[in-house]
Amino acid sequence: MHNDEQSALKYSLYLLSFKDYSEYELRKKLAGKFDVCFIDNVIAKLKEKGLLSDKQYVEKIIRRYGSIKKYGYFKVEQELRKRGLKKEVYENLLSEIYTEAKEEENALSIAFKRPREKLEKYLLSRGYRSYIVRKVLALLEKE
C-alpha cells in the first residue's frame, strides 16, 4: 500500500485520463492501493478542480444509454445504480434528460426495425416502461 497523497492523485489522474468514473467507482479503484485519508483528500481535490463530478457523469451515462444505445428508462436507471450512484444524485436528471417523449421516440424507432410479434418482449427486456410499450404498440395498431 502506498502511503502518499501525491501518488494517489497521480494514479487517479491516470485513471481519469482513460475514462470517467463516479466517485464510488474511483474510491473502489483506489481502495486497495492507498490509505483512506489520502483517498478522501484526493477525491475532494478532484471535485474541487471539476475533474470528478457525479452530476456530469450521470449526464453522460443517461445520454449514452438513453440516446445512443436507446435503452428504456429502467435500463438506464440500472446502469446508474450499477456504477454506485445514489438515487438522489440521478433521479431529477434522469427525468429531465430522458423524458417520456424521448423514451417513446426511441421505442418507436426500434419498433420499425423489429418484427411486431416480438416487439413487446424486446422493448420490455431493454428496460422500457410498460405503459410506453403499450402506447407504442397501440400507435402501430393504427397503421
C-alpha atoms as a PDB file:
ATOM      1  CA  MET A   1       0.000   0.000   0.000  1.00  0.00           C
ATOM      2  CA  HIS A   2       1.319   3.415  -0.947  1.00  0.00           C
ATOM      3  CA  ASN A   3       1.372   5.997   1.778  1.00  0.00           C
ATOM      4  CA  ASP A   4       1.491   9.169  -0.172  1.00  0.00           C
ATOM      5  CA  GLU A   5      -1.240  11.502  -1.333  1.00  0.00           C
ATOM      6  CA  GLN A   6       0.734  12.619  -4.394  1.00  0.00           C
ATOM      7  CA  SER A   7       0.859   9.032  -5.676  1.00  0.00           C
ATOM      8  CA  ALA A   8      -2.887   8.658  -5.090  1.00  0.00           C
ATOM      9  CA  LEU A   9      -3.532  11.865  -7.022  1.00  0.00           C
ATOM     10  CA  LYS A  10      -1.280  10.834  -9.916  1.00  0.00           C
ATOM     11  CA  TYR A  11      -2.914   7.414 -10.103  1.00  0.00           C
ATOM     12  CA  SER A  12      -6.392   8.990 -10.041  1.00  0.00           C
ATOM     13  CA  LEU A  13      -5.490  11.371 -12.856  1.00  0.00           C
ATOM     14  CA  TYR A  14      -4.034   8.454 -14.802  1.00  0.00           C
ATOM     15  CA  LEU A  15      -7.308   6.506 -14.416  1.00  0.00           C
ATOM     16  CA  LEU A  16      -9.424   9.545 -15.317  1.00  0.00           C
ATOM     17  CA  SER A  17      -7.366  10.116 -18.457  1.00  0.00           C
ATOM     18  CA  PHE A  18      -8.815   6.895 -19.907  1.00  0.00           C
ATOM     19  CA  LYS A  19     -12.446   7.134 -18.830  1.00  0.00           C
ATOM     20  CA  ASP A  20     -14.848   8.858 -16.497  1.00  0.00           C
ATOM     21  CA  TYR A  21     -15.616   7.379 -13.101  1.00  0.00           C
ATOM     22  CA  SER A  22     -18.226   8.031 -10.475  1.00  0.00           C
ATOM     23  CA  GLU A  23     -16.882   8.935  -7.048  1.00  0.00           C
ATOM     24  CA  TYR A  24     -17.885   5.451  -5.850  1.00  0.00           C
ATOM     25  CA  GLU A  25     -16.022   3.708  -8.694  1.00  0.00           C
ATOM     26  CA  LEU A  26     -12.869   5.778  -8.206  1.00  0.00           C
ATOM     27  CA  ARG A  27     -12.888   5.109  -4.460  1.00  0.00           C
ATOM     28  CA  LYS A  28     -13.126   1.382  -5.209  1.00  0.00           C
ATOM     29  CA  LYS A  29     -10.180   1.579  -7.617  1.00  0.00           C
ATOM     30  CA  LEU A  30      -8.031   3.414  -5.066  1.00  0.00           C
ATOM     31  CA  ALA A  31      -9.133   1.412  -2.007  1.00  0.00           C
ATOM     32  CA  GLY A  32      -6.616  -1.423  -2.150  1.00  0.00           C
ATOM     33  CA  LYS A  33      -3.677   0.788  -3.040  1.00  0.00           C
ATOM     34  CA  PHE A  34      -3.939   3.838  -0.785  1.00  0.00           C
ATOM     35  CA  ASP A  35      -4.935   4.806   2.754  1.00  0.00           C
ATOM     36  CA  VAL A  36      -8.488   6.074   3.189  1.00  0.00           C
ATOM     37  CA  CYS A  37      -7.332   9.508   4.400  1.00  0.00           C
ATOM     38  CA  PHE A  38      -5.376  10.012   1.155  1.00  0.00           C
ATOM     39  CA  ILE A  39      -8.329   8.859  -0.922  1.00  0.00           C
ATOM     40  CA  ASP A  40     -10.670  11.330   0.797  1.00  0.00           C
ATOM     41  CA  ASN A  41      -8.241  14.205   0.172  1.00  0.00           C
ATOM     42  CA  VAL A  42      -7.680  13.242  -3.465  1.00  0.00           C
ATOM     43  CA  ILE A  43     -11.421  12.901  -4.133  1.00  0.00           C
ATOM     44  CA  ALA A  44     -12.005  16.338  -2.567  1.00  0.00           C
ATOM     45  CA  LYS A  45      -9.245  17.902  -4.734  1.00  0.00           C
ATOM     46  CA  LEU A  46     -10.553  16.299  -7.914  1.00  0.00           C
ATOM     47  CA  LYS A  47     -14.087  17.501  -7.197  1.00  0.00           C
ATOM     48  CA  GLU A  48     -12.836  20.997  -6.379  1.00  0.00           C
ATOM     49  CA  LYS A  49     -10.997  21.201  -9.699  1.00  0.00           C
ATOM     50  CA  GLY A  50     -14.012  19.842 -11.597  1.00  0.00           C
ATOM     51  CA  LEU A  51     -12.222  16.654 -12.646  1.00  0.00           C
ATOM     52  CA  LEU A  52     -14.644  14.383 -10.796  1.00  0.00           C
ATOM     53  CA  SER A  53     -18.342  15.150 -10.854  1.00  0.00           C
ATOM     54  CA  ASP A  54     -21.100  12.627 -10.298  1.00  0.00           C
ATOM     55  CA  LYS A  55     -23.586  15.046 -11.876  1.00  0.00           C
ATOM     56  CA  GLN A  56     -21.615  15.257 -15.137  1.00  0.00           C
ATOM     57  CA  TYR A  57     -21.020  11.515 -15.042  1.00  0.00           C
ATOM     58  CA  VAL A  58     -24.769  10.903 -14.647  1.00  0.00           C
ATOM     59  CA  GLU A  59     -25.495  13.126 -17.649  1.00  0.00           C
ATOM     60  CA  LYS A  60     -23.015  11.177 -19.801  1.00  0.00           C
ATOM     61  CA  ILE A  61     -24.448   7.812 -18.764  1.00  0.00           C
ATOM     62  CA  ILE A  62     -28.021   8.960 -19.445  1.00  0.00           C
ATOM     63  CA  ARG A  63     -27.068  10.269 -22.876  1.00  0.00           C
ATOM     64  CA  ARG A  64     -25.043   7.158 -23.752  1.00  0.00           C
ATOM     65  CA  TYR A  65     -27.646   4.614 -22.701  1.00  0.00           C
ATOM     66  CA  GLY A  66     -30.787   6.653 -23.378  1.00  0.00           C
ATOM     67  CA  SER A  67     -29.975   8.469 -26.596  1.00  0.00           C
ATOM     68  CA  ILE A  68     -27.226   6.473 -28.269  1.00  0.00           C
ATOM     69  CA  LYS A  69     -27.929   2.871 -27.234  1.00  0.00           C
ATOM     70  CA  LYS A  70     -31.671   3.581 -26.986  1.00  0.00           C
ATOM     71  CA  TYR A  71     -32.336   1.680 -23.782  1.00  0.00           C
ATOM     72  CA  GLY A  72     -35.513   2.257 -21.789  1.00  0.00           C
ATOM     73  CA  TYR A  73     -35.804   4.259 -18.582  1.00  0.00           C
ATOM     74  CA  PHE A  74     -35.403   1.265 -16.251  1.00  0.00           C
ATOM     75  CA  LYS A  75     -32.268   0.013 -18.018  1.00  0.00           C
ATOM     76  CA  VAL A  76     -30.676   3.485 -17.868  1.00  0.00           C
ATOM     77  CA  GLU A  77     -31.530   3.675 -14.171  1.00  0.00           C
ATOM     78  CA  GLN A  78     -29.988   0.224 -13.657  1.00  0.00           C
ATOM     79  CA  GLU A  79     -26.765   1.379 -15.336  1.00  0.00           C
ATOM     80  CA  LEU A  80     -26.607   4.368 -12.969  1.00  0.00           C
ATOM     81  CA  ARG A  81     -27.149   2.189  -9.877  1.00  0.00           C
ATOM     82  CA  LYS A  82     -24.569  -0.313 -11.115  1.00  0.00           C
ATOM     83  CA  ARG A  83     -21.994   2.490 -11.006  1.00  0.00           C
ATOM     84  CA  GLY A  84     -22.710   3.225  -7.364  1.00  0.00           C
ATOM     85  CA  LEU A  85     -24.665   6.404  -7.968  1.00  0.00           C
ATOM     86  CA  LYS A  86     -27.292   7.276  -5.400  1.00  0.00           C
ATOM     87  CA  LYS A  87     -30.892   7.859  -6.470  1.00  0.00           C
ATOM     88  CA  GLU A  88     -30.905  11.414  -5.092  1.00  0.00           C
ATOM     89  CA  VAL A  89     -27.986  12.255  -7.426  1.00  0.00           C
ATOM     90  CA  TYR A  90     -29.580  10.973 -10.627  1.00  0.00           C
ATOM     91  CA  GLU A  91     -33.359  10.938 -10.134  1.00  0.00           C
ATOM     92  CA  ASN A  92     -34.128  14.509 -11.276  1.00  0.00           C
ATOM     93  CA  LEU A  93     -31.530  14.476 -14.055  1.00  0.00           C
ATOM     94  CA  LEU A  94     -32.861  11.205 -15.418  1.00  0.00           C
ATOM     95  CA  SER A  95     -36.407  12.580 -15.606  1.00  0.00           C
ATOM     96  CA  GLU A  96     -35.224  15.872 -17.150  1.00  0.00           C
ATOM     97  CA  ILE A  97     -32.886  14.415 -19.758  1.00  0.00           C
ATOM     98  CA  TYR A  98     -34.623  11.148 -20.580  1.00  0.00           C
ATOM     99  CA  THR A  99     -38.201  12.311 -20.806  1.00  0.00           C
ATOM    100  CA  GLU A 100     -41.204  10.108 -21.532  1.00  0.00           C
ATOM    101  CA  ALA A 101     -41.374  11.682 -25.002  1.00  0.00           C
ATOM    102  CA  LYS A 102     -37.737  10.731 -25.692  1.00  0.00           C
ATOM    103  CA  GLU A 103     -38.299   7.186 -24.430  1.00  0.00           C
ATOM    104  CA  GLU A 104     -41.376   6.868 -26.639  1.00  0.00           C
ATOM    105  CA  GLU A 105     -39.439   8.233 -29.628  1.00  0.00           C
ATOM    106  CA  ASN A 106     -36.681   5.665 -29.025  1.00  0.00           C
ATOM    107  CA  ALA A 107     -39.207   2.831 -28.709  1.00  0.00           C
ATOM    108  CA  LEU A 108     -40.864   3.868 -31.975  1.00  0.00           C
ATOM    109  CA  SER A 109     -37.529   3.997 -33.797  1.00  0.00           C
ATOM    110  CA  ILE A 110     -36.838   0.439 -32.620  1.00  0.00           C
ATOM    111  CA  ALA A 111     -40.390  -0.670 -33.473  1.00  0.00           C
ATOM    112  CA  PHE A 112     -39.921  -0.062 -37.180  1.00  0.00           C
ATOM    113  CA  LYS A 113     -36.823  -2.302 -37.233  1.00  0.00           C
ATOM    114  CA  ARG A 114     -38.278  -5.287 -35.329  1.00  0.00           C
ATOM    115  CA  PRO A 115     -40.933  -7.902 -36.062  1.00  0.00           C
ATOM    116  CA  ARG A 116     -44.146  -6.805 -34.349  1.00  0.00           C
ATOM    117  CA  GLU A 117     -44.851 -10.163 -32.743  1.00  0.00           C
ATOM    118  CA  LYS A 118     -41.622  -9.961 -30.711  1.00  0.00           C
ATOM    119  CA  LEU A 119     -41.617  -6.207 -30.150  1.00  0.00           C
ATOM    120  CA  GLU A 120     -43.316  -6.051 -26.749  1.00  0.00           C
ATOM    121  CA  LYS A 121     -40.975  -8.595 -25.165  1.00  0.00           C
ATOM    122  CA  TYR A 122     -37.950  -6.946 -26.778  1.00  0.00           C
ATOM    123  CA  LEU A 123     -38.792  -3.442 -25.556  1.00  0.00           C
ATOM    124  CA  LEU A 124     -39.528  -4.658 -22.025  1.00  0.00           C
ATOM    125  CA  SER A 125     -36.203  -6.548 -21.975  1.00  0.00           C
ATOM    126  CA  ARG A 126     -34.434  -3.284 -22.890  1.00  0.00           C
ATOM    127  CA  GLY A 127     -35.924  -1.535 -19.881  1.00  0.00           C
ATOM    128  CA  TYR A 128     -38.819   0.365 -21.428  1.00  0.00           C
ATOM    129  CA  ARG A 129     -41.657   1.214 -19.084  1.00  0.00           C
ATOM    130  CA  SER A 130     -44.724  -0.942 -19.760  1.00  0.00           C
ATOM    131  CA  TYR A 131     -47.073   1.986 -20.385  1.00  0.00           C
ATOM    132  CA  ILE A 132     -44.666   3.345 -23.024  1.00  0.00           C
ATOM    133  CA  VAL A 133     -44.570  -0.092 -24.673  1.00  0.00           C
ATOM    134  CA  ARG A 134     -48.393  -0.282 -24.678  1.00  0.00           C
ATOM    135  CA  LYS A 135     -48.602   3.218 -26.164  1.00  0.00           C
ATOM    136  CA  VAL A 136     -46.155   2.353 -28.951  1.00  0.00           C
ATOM    137  CA  LEU A 137     -47.973  -0.900 -29.727  1.00  0.00           C
ATOM    138  CA  ALA A 138     -51.281   0.990 -29.870  1.00  0.00           C
ATOM    139  CA  LEU A 139     -49.752   3.511 -32.294  1.00  0.00           C
ATOM    140  CA  LEU A 140     -48.556   0.676 -34.512  1.00  0.00           C
ATOM    141  CA  GLU A 141     -52.019  -0.926 -34.491  1.00  0.00           C
ATOM    142  CA  LYS A 142     -53.441   2.229 -36.086  1.00  0.00           C
ATOM    143  CA  GLU A 143     -51.160   1.838 -39.103  1.00  0.00           C
END
